[in-house]
PDB file of N, CA and C in Angstrom:
ATOM      1  N   UNK A   1      -0.973   9.408  -0.229  1.00  0.00           N
ATOM      2  CA  UNK A   1      -1.121   9.477   0.983  1.00  0.00           C
ATOM      3  C   UNK A   1      -0.191   8.546   1.759  1.00  0.00           C
ATOM      4  N   UNK A   2       0.362   9.156   2.843  1.00  0.00           N
ATOM      5  CA  UNK A   2       1.068   8.080   3.848  1.00  0.00           C
ATOM      6  C   UNK A   2       0.234   7.046   4.491  1.00  0.00           C
ATOM      7  N   UNK A   3       0.661   5.769   4.458  1.00  0.00           N
ATOM      8  CA  UNK A   3       0.269   4.875   5.172  1.00  0.00           C
ATOM      9  C   UNK A   3      -0.107   5.283   6.701  1.00  0.00           C
ATOM     10  N   UNK A   4       0.815   5.738   7.248  1.00  0.00           N
ATOM     11  CA  UNK A   4       0.861   6.180   8.737  1.00  0.00           C
ATOM     12  C   UNK A   4      -0.067   7.078   9.148  1.00  0.00           C
ATOM     13  N   UNK A   5      -0.814   7.956   8.165  1.00  0.00           N
ATOM     14  CA  UNK A   5      -1.664   8.891   8.595  1.00  0.00           C
ATOM     15  C   UNK A   5      -3.120   8.010   8.794  1.00  0.00           C
ATOM     16  N   UNK A   6      -3.262   6.919   8.263  1.00  0.00           N
ATOM     17  CA  UNK A   6      -4.629   6.165   8.427  1.00  0.00           C
ATOM     18  C   UNK A   6      -5.098   6.387  10.045  1.00  0.00           C
ATOM     19  N   UNK A   7      -4.568   5.969  11.053  1.00  0.00           N
ATOM     20  CA  UNK A   7      -4.751   5.808  12.415  1.00  0.00           C
ATOM     21  C   UNK A   7      -4.875   7.430  12.998  1.00  0.00           C
ATOM     22  N   UNK A   8      -4.145   8.317  12.554  1.00  0.00           N
ATOM     23  CA  UNK A   8      -4.150   9.416  13.047  1.00  0.00           C
ATOM     24  C   UNK A   8      -5.331  10.250  12.403  1.00  0.00           C
ATOM     25  N   UNK A   9      -5.882   9.879  11.101  1.00  0.00           N
ATOM     26  CA  UNK A   9      -7.064  10.597  10.497  1.00  0.00           C
ATOM     27  C   UNK A   9      -8.314   9.934  11.343  1.00  0.00           C
ATOM     28  N   UNK A  10      -8.059   8.867  11.772  1.00  0.00           N
ATOM     29  CA  UNK A  10      -9.275   8.074  12.390  1.00  0.00           C
ATOM     30  C   UNK A  10      -9.483   8.653  13.860  1.00  0.00           C
ATOM     31  N   UNK A  11      -8.259   9.130  14.363  1.00  0.00           N
ATOM     32  CA  UNK A  11      -8.359   9.785  15.687  1.00  0.00           C
ATOM     33  C   UNK A  11      -9.103  11.054  15.399  1.00  0.00           C
ATOM     34  N   UNK A  12      -8.661  11.758  14.578  1.00  0.00           N
ATOM     35  CA  UNK A  12      -9.227  13.083  14.220  1.00  0.00           C
ATOM     36  C   UNK A  12     -10.808  13.125  13.973  1.00  0.00           C
ATOM     37  N   UNK A  13     -11.279  11.935  13.146  1.00  0.00           N
ATOM     38  CA  UNK A  13     -12.652  11.697  13.040  1.00  0.00           C
ATOM     39  C   UNK A  13     -13.256  11.371  14.292  1.00  0.00           C
ATOM     40  N   UNK A  14     -12.978  10.611  15.275  1.00  0.00           N
ATOM     41  CA  UNK A  14     -13.292  10.305  16.359  1.00  0.00           C
ATOM     42  C   UNK A  14     -13.364  11.553  17.391  1.00  0.00           C
ATOM     43  N   UNK A  15     -12.777  12.408  17.243  1.00  0.00           N
ATOM     44  CA  UNK A  15     -12.539  13.639  18.150  1.00  0.00           C
ATOM     45  C   UNK A  15     -13.766  14.597  17.590  1.00  0.00           C
ATOM     46  N   UNK A  16     -13.913  14.345  16.195  1.00  0.00           N
ATOM     47  CA  UNK A  16     -15.233  15.403  15.671  1.00  0.00           C
ATOM     48  C   UNK A  16     -16.408  14.897  16.196  1.00  0.00           C
ATOM     49  N   UNK A  17     -16.476  13.511  16.419  1.00  0.00           N
ATOM     50  CA  UNK A  17     -17.918  13.059  16.836  1.00  0.00           C
ATOM     51  C   UNK A  17     -17.908  13.190  18.384  1.00  0.00           C
ATOM     52  N   UNK A  18     -16.818  13.322  18.924  1.00  0.00           N
ATOM     53  CA  UNK A  18     -17.045  13.261  20.441  1.00  0.00           C
ATOM     54  C   UNK A  18     -16.800  14.904  20.962  1.00  0.00           C
ATOM     55  N   UNK A  19     -17.113  15.835  20.213  1.00  0.00           N
ATOM     56  CA  UNK A  19     -16.868  17.186  20.593  1.00  0.00           C
ATOM     57  C   UNK A  19     -17.339  17.623  21.894  1.00  0.00           C
ATOM     58  N   UNK A  20     -16.950  18.620  22.455  1.00  0.00           N
ATOM     59  CA  UNK A  20     -17.443  19.180  23.778  1.00  0.00           C
ATOM     60  C   UNK A  20     -18.616  20.140  23.395  1.00  0.00           C
ATOM     61  N   UNK A  21     -19.546  20.449  24.430  1.00  0.00           N
ATOM     62  CA  UNK A  21     -20.469  21.683  24.202  1.00  0.00           C
ATOM     63  C   UNK A  21     -19.977  22.978  23.632  1.00  0.00           C
ATOM     64  N   UNK A  22     -18.742  23.239  24.246  1.00  0.00           N
ATOM     65  CA  UNK A  22     -18.214  24.468  23.799  1.00  0.00           C
ATOM     66  C   UNK A  22     -17.551  24.388  22.305  1.00  0.00           C
ATOM     67  N   UNK A  23     -17.035  23.251  22.039  1.00  0.00           N
ATOM     68  CA  UNK A  23     -16.551  23.166  20.629  1.00  0.00           C
ATOM     69  C   UNK A  23     -17.671  22.978  19.591  1.00  0.00           C
ATOM     70  N   UNK A  24     -19.045  22.521  20.190  1.00  0.00           N
ATOM     71  CA  UNK A  24     -20.076  22.568  19.251  1.00  0.00           C
ATOM     72  C   UNK A  24     -20.463  23.961  18.959  1.00  0.00           C
ATOM     73  N   UNK A  25     -20.634  24.654  20.215  1.00  0.00           N
ATOM     74  CA  UNK A  25     -20.941  25.895  19.797  1.00  0.00           C
ATOM     75  C   UNK A  25     -20.213  26.871  18.988  1.00  0.00           C
ATOM     76  N   UNK A  26     -18.828  26.784  19.200  1.00  0.00           N
ATOM     77  CA  UNK A  26     -17.823  27.413  18.467  1.00  0.00           C
ATOM     78  C   UNK A  26     -18.060  27.047  16.928  1.00  0.00           C
ATOM     79  N   UNK A  27     -18.356  25.938  16.824  1.00  0.00           N
ATOM     80  CA  UNK A  27     -18.287  25.278  15.528  1.00  0.00           C
ATOM     81  C   UNK A  27     -19.398  25.966  14.657  1.00  0.00           C
ATOM     82  N   UNK A  28     -20.446  26.270  15.350  1.00  0.00           N
ATOM     83  CA  UNK A  28     -21.562  26.848  14.738  1.00  0.00           C
ATOM     84  C   UNK A  28     -21.260  28.420  14.302  1.00  0.00           C
ATOM     85  N   UNK A  29     -20.366  28.834  15.095  1.00  0.00           N
ATOM     86  CA  UNK A  29     -20.065  30.275  14.632  1.00  0.00           C
ATOM     87  C   UNK A  29     -19.022  30.372  13.624  1.00  0.00           C
ATOM     88  N   UNK A  30     -18.191  29.296  13.464  1.00  0.00           N
ATOM     89  CA  UNK A  30     -17.334  29.236  12.279  1.00  0.00           C
ATOM     90  C   UNK A  30     -17.647  28.542  10.993  1.00  0.00           C
ATOM     91  N   UNK A  31     -18.530  27.746  11.230  1.00  0.00           N
ATOM     92  CA  UNK A  31     -18.627  26.769   9.961  1.00  0.00           C
ATOM     93  C   UNK A  31     -19.318  27.537   8.774  1.00  0.00           C
ATOM     94  N   UNK A  32     -19.177  27.212   7.678  1.00  0.00           N
ATOM     95  CA  UNK A  32     -19.634  27.820   6.388  1.00  0.00           C
ATOM     96  C   UNK A  32     -19.371  29.191   6.084  1.00  0.00           C
ATOM     97  N   UNK A  33     -18.098  29.152   6.471  1.00  0.00           N
ATOM     98  CA  UNK A  33     -17.247  30.784   6.371  1.00  0.00           C
ATOM     99  C   UNK A  33     -18.188  31.759   6.894  1.00  0.00           C
ATOM    100  N   UNK A  34     -18.668  31.653   7.963  1.00  0.00           N
ATOM    101  CA  UNK A  34     -19.583  32.504   8.669  1.00  0.00           C
ATOM    102  C   UNK A  34     -18.883  33.652   9.386  1.00  0.00           C
ATOM    103  N   UNK A  35     -17.412  33.357   9.696  1.00  0.00           N
ATOM    104  CA  UNK A  35     -16.300  34.315  10.137  1.00  0.00           C
ATOM    105  C   UNK A  35     -15.699  34.955   8.992  1.00  0.00           C
ATOM    106  N   UNK A  36     -16.310  36.099   8.423  1.00  0.00           N
ATOM    107  CA  UNK A  36     -15.464  36.735   7.199  1.00  0.00           C
ATOM    108  C   UNK A  36     -15.311  35.844   6.197  1.00  0.00           C
ATOM    109  N   UNK A  37     -13.989  35.621   5.770  1.00  0.00           N
ATOM    110  CA  UNK A  37     -13.679  35.002   4.762  1.00  0.00           C
ATOM    111  C   UNK A  37     -13.230  33.505   5.100  1.00  0.00           C
ATOM    112  N   UNK A  38     -13.007  33.317   6.346  1.00  0.00           N
ATOM    113  CA  UNK A  38     -12.348  32.034   6.763  1.00  0.00           C
ATOM    114  C   UNK A  38     -12.988  30.657   6.600  1.00  0.00           C
ATOM    115  N   UNK A  39     -12.374  29.950   6.122  1.00  0.00           N
ATOM    116  CA  UNK A  39     -12.839  28.471   5.753  1.00  0.00           C
ATOM    117  C   UNK A  39     -12.254  27.588   6.784  1.00  0.00           C
ATOM    118  N   UNK A  40     -12.919  27.311   7.849  1.00  0.00           N
ATOM    119  CA  UNK A  40     -12.486  26.598   9.007  1.00  0.00           C
ATOM    120  C   UNK A  40     -12.828  25.100   8.842  1.00  0.00           C
ATOM    121  N   UNK A  41     -11.606  24.171   9.431  1.00  0.00           N
ATOM    122  CA  UNK A  41     -12.020  22.918   9.379  1.00  0.00           C
ATOM    123  C   UNK A  41     -11.929  22.417  10.907  1.00  0.00           C
ATOM    124  N   UNK A  42     -12.777  21.457  11.321  1.00  0.00           N
ATOM    125  CA  UNK A  42     -12.519  21.095  12.747  1.00  0.00           C
ATOM    126  C   UNK A  42     -11.855  19.767  13.081  1.00  0.00           C
ATOM    127  N   UNK A  43     -11.230  19.790  14.308  1.00  0.00           N
ATOM    128  CA  UNK A  43     -10.299  18.427  14.445  1.00  0.00           C
ATOM    129  C   UNK A  43      -9.617  18.071  13.421  1.00  0.00           C
ATOM    130  N   UNK A  44      -8.728  18.781  13.120  1.00  0.00           N
ATOM    131  CA  UNK A  44      -7.912  18.619  11.671  1.00  0.00           C
ATOM    132  C   UNK A  44      -6.489  18.456  12.047  1.00  0.00           C
ATOM    133  N   UNK A  45      -5.749  17.423  11.470  1.00  0.00           N
ATOM    134  CA  UNK A  45      -4.362  17.077  11.678  1.00  0.00           C
ATOM    135  C   UNK A  45      -3.490  18.298  11.153  1.00  0.00           C
ATOM    136  N   UNK A  46      -2.740  18.615  11.823  1.00  0.00           N
ATOM    137  CA  UNK A  46      -1.777  19.764  11.508  1.00  0.00           C
ATOM    138  C   UNK A  46      -0.232  19.261  12.072  1.00  0.00           C
ATOM    139  N   UNK A  47       0.777  18.589  11.503  1.00  0.00           N
ATOM    140  CA  UNK A  47       1.731  18.050  11.846  1.00  0.00           C
ATOM    141  C   UNK A  47       1.579  16.826  12.571  1.00  0.00           C
ATOM    142  N   UNK A  48       1.862  16.825  14.146  1.00  0.00           N
ATOM    143  CA  UNK A  48       1.619  15.530  14.698  1.00  0.00           C
ATOM    144  C   UNK A  48       0.690  15.835  15.859  1.00  0.00           C
ATOM    145  N   UNK A  49      -0.088  16.846  15.511  1.00  0.00           N
ATOM    146  CA  UNK A  49      -1.360  17.465  16.455  1.00  0.00           C
ATOM    147  C   UNK A  49      -2.590  17.378  15.657  1.00  0.00           C
ATOM    148  N   UNK A  50      -3.636  17.139  16.540  1.00  0.00           N
ATOM    149  CA  UNK A  50      -4.872  17.296  16.000  1.00  0.00           C
ATOM    150  C   UNK A  50      -5.463  18.572  16.493  1.00  0.00           C
ATOM    151  N   UNK A  51      -5.700  19.829  15.795  1.00  0.00           N
ATOM    152  CA  UNK A  51      -6.078  21.062  16.264  1.00  0.00           C
ATOM    153  C   UNK A  51      -7.694  21.203  16.409  1.00  0.00           C
ATOM    154  N   UNK A  52      -8.288  21.786  17.269  1.00  0.00           N
ATOM    155  CA  UNK A  52      -9.624  22.059  17.288  1.00  0.00           C
ATOM    156  C   UNK A  52     -10.324  22.665  16.028  1.00  0.00           C
ATOM    157  N   UNK A  53      -9.672  23.789  15.637  1.00  0.00           N
ATOM    158  CA  UNK A  53     -10.135  24.354  14.508  1.00  0.00           C
ATOM    159  C   UNK A  53      -9.101  25.039  13.802  1.00  0.00           C
ATOM    160  N   UNK A  54      -9.192  25.236  12.424  1.00  0.00           N
ATOM    161  CA  UNK A  54      -8.021  25.823  11.683  1.00  0.00           C
ATOM    162  C   UNK A  54      -8.755  26.330  10.402  1.00  0.00           C
ATOM    163  N   UNK A  55      -8.085  27.396  10.004  1.00  0.00           N
ATOM    164  CA  UNK A  55      -8.287  27.986   8.873  1.00  0.00           C
ATOM    165  C   UNK A  55      -6.952  27.838   7.940  1.00  0.00           C
ATOM    166  N   UNK A  56      -6.894  26.991   7.162  1.00  0.00           N
ATOM    167  CA  UNK A  56      -5.595  26.698   6.485  1.00  0.00           C
ATOM    168  C   UNK A  56      -4.994  27.945   5.865  1.00  0.00           C
ATOM    169  N   UNK A  57      -5.868  28.598   5.007  1.00  0.00           N
ATOM    170  CA  UNK A  57      -5.607  29.690   4.191  1.00  0.00           C
ATOM    171  C   UNK A  57      -4.933  30.947   5.014  1.00  0.00           C
ATOM    172  N   UNK A  58      -5.394  31.153   6.135  1.00  0.00           N
ATOM    173  CA  UNK A  58      -4.955  32.248   6.848  1.00  0.00           C
ATOM    174  C   UNK A  58      -4.081  31.763   7.995  1.00  0.00           C
ATOM    175  N   UNK A  59      -3.815  30.617   8.032  1.00  0.00           N
ATOM    176  CA  UNK A  59      -2.851  30.036   9.142  1.00  0.00           C
ATOM    177  C   UNK A  59      -3.309  30.475  10.461  1.00  0.00           C
ATOM    178  N   UNK A  60      -4.702  30.314  10.846  1.00  0.00           N
ATOM    179  CA  UNK A  60      -5.198  30.549  12.206  1.00  0.00           C
ATOM    180  C   UNK A  60      -5.618  29.420  12.851  1.00  0.00           C
ATOM    181  N   UNK A  61      -5.284  29.002  13.962  1.00  0.00           N
ATOM    182  CA  UNK A  61      -5.765  27.897  14.760  1.00  0.00           C
ATOM    183  C   UNK A  61      -6.435  28.274  16.063  1.00  0.00           C
ATOM    184  N   UNK A  62      -7.610  27.656  16.377  1.00  0.00           N
ATOM    185  CA  UNK A  62      -8.289  27.971  17.460  1.00  0.00           C
ATOM    186  C   UNK A  62      -8.350  26.800  18.291  1.00  0.00           C
ATOM    187  N   UNK A  63      -7.752  26.819  19.591  1.00  0.00           N
ATOM    188  CA  UNK A  63      -7.844  25.764  20.438  1.00  0.00           C
ATOM    189  C   UNK A  63      -8.721  26.041  21.658  1.00  0.00           C
ATOM    190  N   UNK A  64      -9.768  25.031  21.884  1.00  0.00           N
ATOM    191  CA  UNK A  64     -10.664  25.103  23.007  1.00  0.00           C
ATOM    192  C   UNK A  64     -10.115  24.286  24.199  1.00  0.00           C
ATOM    193  N   UNK A  65      -9.416  24.856  25.266  1.00  0.00           N
ATOM    194  CA  UNK A  65      -9.087  24.041  26.336  1.00  0.00           C
ATOM    195  C   UNK A  65     -10.131  23.890  27.340  1.00  0.00           C
ATOM    196  N   UNK A  66     -10.201  22.658  28.087  1.00  0.00           N
ATOM    197  CA  UNK A  66     -11.154  22.516  29.179  1.00  0.00           C
ATOM    198  C   UNK A  66     -10.359  22.206  30.078  1.00  0.00           C
ATOM    199  N   UNK A  67     -11.087  21.447  31.191  1.00  0.00           N
ATOM    200  CA  UNK A  67     -10.599  21.474  32.588  1.00  0.00           C
ATOM    201  C   UNK A  67      -9.106  20.221  32.599  1.00  0.00           C
ATOM    202  N   UNK A  68      -8.912  19.663  31.392  1.00  0.00           N
ATOM    203  CA  UNK A  68      -8.067  18.755  31.470  1.00  0.00           C
ATOM    204  C   UNK A  68      -6.524  19.700  31.163  1.00  0.00           C
ATOM    205  N   UNK A  69      -6.700  20.821  30.953  1.00  0.00           N
ATOM    206  CA  UNK A  69      -5.516  21.656  30.470  1.00  0.00           C
ATOM    207  C   UNK A  69      -5.064  22.306  31.807  1.00  0.00           C
ATOM    208  N   UNK A  70      -5.036  21.663  32.987  1.00  0.00           N
ATOM    209  CA  UNK A  70      -4.538  22.407  34.379  1.00  0.00           C
ATOM    210  C   UNK A  70      -3.214  22.008  34.975  1.00  0.00           C
ATOM    211  N   UNK A  71      -2.725  20.738  34.732  1.00  0.00           N
ATOM    212  CA  UNK A  71      -1.686  20.568  35.376  1.00  0.00           C
ATOM    213  C   UNK A  71      -0.303  21.027  34.704  1.00  0.00           C
ATOM    214  N   UNK A  72       0.685  21.072  35.447  1.00  0.00           N
ATOM    215  CA  UNK A  72       1.880  21.577  34.938  1.00  0.00           C
ATOM    216  C   UNK A  72       2.312  20.785  33.695  1.00  0.00           C
ATOM    217  N   UNK A  73       2.272  19.537  33.663  1.00  0.00           N
ATOM    218  CA  UNK A  73       2.556  18.613  32.420  1.00  0.00           C
ATOM    219  C   UNK A  73       1.595  18.891  31.089  1.00  0.00           C
ATOM    220  N   UNK A  74       0.280  19.148  31.575  1.00  0.00           N
ATOM    221  CA  UNK A  74      -0.607  19.564  30.291  1.00  0.00           C
ATOM    222  C   UNK A  74      -0.225  20.692  29.906  1.00  0.00           C
ATOM    223  N   UNK A  75       0.049  21.912  30.755  1.00  0.00           N
ATOM    224  CA  UNK A  75       0.210  23.282  30.341  1.00  0.00           C
ATOM    225  C   UNK A  75       1.442  23.242  29.624  1.00  0.00           C
ATOM    226  N   UNK A  76       2.616  22.501  30.064  1.00  0.00           N
ATOM    227  CA  UNK A  76       3.749  22.202  29.166  1.00  0.00           C
ATOM    228  C   UNK A  76       3.586  21.821  27.620  1.00  0.00           C
ATOM    229  N   UNK A  77       2.771  20.825  27.868  1.00  0.00           N
ATOM    230  CA  UNK A  77       2.369  20.077  26.420  1.00  0.00           C
ATOM    231  C   UNK A  77       1.678  21.016  25.483  1.00  0.00           C
ATOM    232  N   UNK A  78       0.859  21.960  26.040  1.00  0.00           N
ATOM    233  CA  UNK A  78       0.032  22.853  25.383  1.00  0.00           C
ATOM    234  C   UNK A  78       1.032  23.879  24.861  1.00  0.00           C
ATOM    235  N   UNK A  79       2.020  24.240  25.627  1.00  0.00           N
ATOM    236  CA  UNK A  79       2.933  25.318  25.282  1.00  0.00           C
ATOM    237  C   UNK A  79       3.965  24.835  24.133  1.00  0.00           C
ATOM    238  N   UNK A  80       4.290  23.491  24.282  1.00  0.00           N
ATOM    239  CA  UNK A  80       4.933  22.775  23.087  1.00  0.00           C
ATOM    240  C   UNK A  80       4.436  22.780  21.945  1.00  0.00           C
ATOM    241  N   UNK A  81       3.090  22.312  21.972  1.00  0.00           N
ATOM    242  CA  UNK A  81       2.159  22.423  20.829  1.00  0.00           C
ATOM    243  C   UNK A  81       2.125  23.504  20.151  1.00  0.00           C
ATOM    244  N   UNK A  82       1.821  24.578  20.873  1.00  0.00           N
ATOM    245  CA  UNK A  82       1.805  25.947  20.196  1.00  0.00           C
ATOM    246  C   UNK A  82       3.115  26.457  19.571  1.00  0.00           C
ATOM    247  N   UNK A  83       4.313  26.048  20.296  1.00  0.00           N
ATOM    248  CA  UNK A  83       5.412  26.597  19.723  1.00  0.00           C
ATOM    249  C   UNK A  83       5.708  25.715  18.364  1.00  0.00           C
ATOM    250  N   UNK A  84       5.287  24.384  18.047  1.00  0.00           N
ATOM    251  CA  UNK A  84       5.419  23.622  17.085  1.00  0.00           C
ATOM    252  C   UNK A  84       4.699  24.346  15.861  1.00  0.00           C
ATOM    253  N   UNK A  85       3.406  24.652  16.268  1.00  0.00           N
ATOM    254  CA  UNK A  85       2.515  25.086  15.294  1.00  0.00           C
ATOM    255  C   UNK A  85       2.820  26.319  14.832  1.00  0.00           C
ATOM    256  N   UNK A  86       3.356  27.199  15.654  1.00  0.00           N
ATOM    257  CA  UNK A  86       3.927  28.397  15.376  1.00  0.00           C
ATOM    258  C   UNK A  86       4.944  28.503  14.480  1.00  0.00           C
ATOM    259  N   UNK A  87       6.082  27.684  14.569  1.00  0.00           N
ATOM    260  CA  UNK A  87       7.002  27.282  13.781  1.00  0.00           C
ATOM    261  C   UNK A  87       6.505  26.969  12.535  1.00  0.00           C
ATOM    262  N   UNK A  88       5.367  26.693  11.807  1.00  0.00           N
ATOM    263  CA  UNK A  88       4.823  26.410  10.745  1.00  0.00           C
ATOM    264  C   UNK A  88       4.248  27.591  10.319  1.00  0.00           C
ATOM    265  N   UNK A  89       4.231  28.680  11.182  1.00  0.00           N
ATOM    266  CA  UNK A  89       3.718  29.997  10.606  1.00  0.00           C
ATOM    267  C   UNK A  89       2.096  30.051  11.050  1.00  0.00           C
ATOM    268  N   UNK A  90       1.699  29.113  11.984  1.00  0.00           N
ATOM    269  CA  UNK A  90       0.371  29.410  12.287  1.00  0.00           C
ATOM    270  C   UNK A  90       0.047  30.418  13.441  1.00  0.00           C
ATOM    271  N   UNK A  91      -0.896  31.218  13.669  1.00  0.00           N
ATOM    272  CA  UNK A  91      -1.266  31.957  14.670  1.00  0.00           C
ATOM    273  C   UNK A  91      -2.074  31.028  15.473  1.00  0.00           C
ATOM    274  N   UNK A  92      -1.820  30.895  16.657  1.00  0.00           N
ATOM    275  CA  UNK A  92      -2.735  29.989  17.718  1.00  0.00           C
ATOM    276  C   UNK A  92      -3.159  30.857  18.838  1.00  0.00           C
ATOM    277  N   UNK A  93      -4.614  30.719  18.790  1.00  0.00           N
ATOM    278  CA  UNK A  93      -5.636  31.248  19.635  1.00  0.00           C
ATOM    279  C   UNK A  93      -6.144  30.144  20.631  1.00  0.00           C
ATOM    280  N   UNK A  94      -6.079  30.364  21.902  1.00  0.00           N
ATOM    281  CA  UNK A  94      -6.364  29.450  23.021  1.00  0.00           C
ATOM    282  C   UNK A  94      -7.348  30.137  23.793  1.00  0.00           C
ATOM    283  N   UNK A  95      -8.475  29.415  23.959  1.00  0.00           N
ATOM    284  CA  UNK A  95      -9.589  29.876  24.962  1.00  0.00           C
ATOM    285  C   UNK A  95     -10.148  28.655  25.845  1.00  0.00           C
ATOM    286  N   UNK A  96     -10.716  29.011  26.815  1.00  0.00           N
ATOM    287  CA  UNK A  96     -11.170  28.126  27.871  1.00  0.00           C
ATOM    288  C   UNK A  96     -12.564  27.642  27.459  1.00  0.00           C
ATOM    289  N   UNK A  97     -12.932  26.561  27.685  1.00  0.00           N
ATOM    290  CA  UNK A  97     -14.439  25.825  27.054  1.00  0.00           C
ATOM    291  C   UNK A  97     -15.466  26.697  27.735  1.00  0.00           C
ATOM    292  N   UNK A  98     -15.186  27.351  29.101  1.00  0.00           N
ATOM    293  CA  UNK A  98     -16.290  27.883  29.778  1.00  0.00           C
ATOM    294  C   UNK A  98     -16.620  29.349  29.145  1.00  0.00           C
ATOM    295  N   UNK A  99     -15.606  29.962  28.644  1.00  0.00           N
ATOM    296  CA  UNK A  99     -15.664  31.291  27.932  1.00  0.00           C
ATOM    297  C   UNK A  99     -16.557  31.048  26.618  1.00  0.00           C
ATOM    298  N   UNK A 100     -16.570  30.025  25.895  1.00  0.00           N
ATOM    299  CA  UNK A 100     -17.334  29.768  24.665  1.00  0.00           C
ATOM    300  C   UNK A 100     -18.916  29.167  25.002  1.00  0.00           C
ATOM    301  N   UNK A 101     -18.922  28.642  26.024  1.00  0.00           N
ATOM    302  CA  UNK A 101     -20.315  28.277  26.542  1.00  0.00           C
ATOM    303  C   UNK A 101     -20.856  29.509  27.165  1.00  0.00           C
ATOM    304  N   UNK A 102     -20.354  30.271  27.737  1.00  0.00           N
ATOM    305  CA  UNK A 102     -20.981  31.539  28.337  1.00  0.00           C
ATOM    306  C   UNK A 102     -21.380  32.772  27.239  1.00  0.00           C
ATOM    307  N   UNK A 103     -20.687  32.598  26.307  1.00  0.00           N
ATOM    308  CA  UNK A 103     -20.861  33.531  25.150  1.00  0.00           C
ATOM    309  C   UNK A 103     -21.804  33.219  24.353  1.00  0.00           C
ATOM    310  N   UNK A 104     -22.839  34.240  23.700  1.00  0.00           N
ATOM    311  CA  UNK A 104     -23.653  33.921  22.502  1.00  0.00           C
ATOM    312  C   UNK A 104     -23.103  33.678  21.368  1.00  0.00           C
ATOM    313  N   UNK A 105     -23.612  33.093  20.425  1.00  0.00           N
ATOM    314  CA  UNK A 105     -22.939  32.872  19.189  1.00  0.00           C
ATOM    315  C   UNK A 105     -22.649  34.083  18.524  1.00  0.00           C
ATOM    316  N   UNK A 106     -23.430  35.251  18.591  1.00  0.00           N
ATOM    317  CA  UNK A 106     -22.986  36.430  18.029  1.00  0.00           C
ATOM    318  C   UNK A 106     -21.564  37.146  18.715  1.00  0.00           C
ATOM    319  N   UNK A 107     -21.724  36.890  19.957  1.00  0.00           N
ATOM    320  CA  UNK A 107     -20.311  37.459  20.795  1.00  0.00           C
ATOM    321  C   UNK A 107     -19.295  36.700  20.400  1.00  0.00           C
ATOM    322  N   UNK A 108     -19.339  35.307  20.239  1.00  0.00           N
ATOM    323  CA  UNK A 108     -18.153  34.592  19.815  1.00  0.00           C
ATOM    324  C   UNK A 108     -17.630  35.047  18.342  1.00  0.00           C
ATOM    325  N   UNK A 109     -18.601  35.251  17.495  1.00  0.00           N
ATOM    326  CA  UNK A 109     -18.330  35.685  16.156  1.00  0.00           C
ATOM    327  C   UNK A 109     -17.743  36.990  16.327  1.00  0.00           C
ATOM    328  N   UNK A 110     -18.285  38.110  16.910  1.00  0.00           N
ATOM    329  CA  UNK A 110     -17.758  39.471  16.986  1.00  0.00           C
ATOM    330  C   UNK A 110     -16.307  39.216  17.486  1.00  0.00           C
ATOM    331  N   UNK A 111     -16.160  38.546  18.506  1.00  0.00           N
ATOM    332  CA  UNK A 111     -14.730  38.329  19.181  1.00  0.00           C
ATOM    333  C   UNK A 111     -13.652  37.893  18.059  1.00  0.00           C
ATOM    334  N   UNK A 112     -14.003  36.843  17.320  1.00  0.00           N
ATOM    335  CA  UNK A 112     -13.250  36.282  16.231  1.00  0.00           C
ATOM    336  C   UNK A 112     -13.118  37.235  15.015  1.00  0.00           C
ATOM    337  N   UNK A 113     -14.085  37.933  14.778  1.00  0.00           N
ATOM    338  CA  UNK A 113     -13.966  38.716  13.644  1.00  0.00           C
ATOM    339  C   UNK A 113     -13.137  39.912  13.965  1.00  0.00           C
ATOM    340  N   UNK A 114     -13.097  40.400  15.275  1.00  0.00           N
ATOM    341  CA  UNK A 114     -12.085  41.266  15.473  1.00  0.00           C
ATOM    342  C   UNK A 114     -10.729  40.718  15.411  1.00  0.00           C
ATOM    343  N   UNK A 115     -10.490  39.489  15.829  1.00  0.00           N
ATOM    344  CA  UNK A 115      -9.016  38.845  15.491  1.00  0.00           C
ATOM    345  C   UNK A 115      -8.841  39.006  14.167  1.00  0.00           C
ATOM    346  N   UNK A 116      -9.883  38.743  13.228  1.00  0.00           N
ATOM    347  CA  UNK A 116      -9.678  38.429  11.804  1.00  0.00           C
ATOM    348  C   UNK A 116      -9.132  39.786  11.057  1.00  0.00           C
ATOM    349  N   UNK A 117      -9.616  40.852  11.902  1.00  0.00           N
ATOM    350  CA  UNK A 117      -9.357  42.269  11.388  1.00  0.00           C
ATOM    351  C   UNK A 117      -7.917  42.543  11.664  1.00  0.00           C
ATOM    352  N   UNK A 118      -7.492  41.953  12.545  1.00  0.00           N
ATOM    353  CA  UNK A 118      -5.994  42.365  13.072  1.00  0.00           C
ATOM    354  C   UNK A 118      -4.793  42.046  11.908  1.00  0.00           C
TER     355      UNK A 118
END
């Protein structure tokens, strides 16, 4: 393991501990292979980013964006992050926190199941 990953992994660990309500709700729908065959990890490092949720085998990333993703600079950063992740072969799905908070666990699972069937 590279020595440079230590602080990066620590930041990912901190992000898991400080997850938003929407991330916690979505995690309940994803964890333990509850979504078909997908094994998701949360707050996981991919290249130079820490992604909210990733299924490494299927190369699927789910990002939960909150109110802090609204300025032009933040939107450009998100767009750049998506381009980098897609260059590694990942499919990136982005959603607003409010969407995941308003939906029931079953509805979130159904929406993501539909994505997995594509």
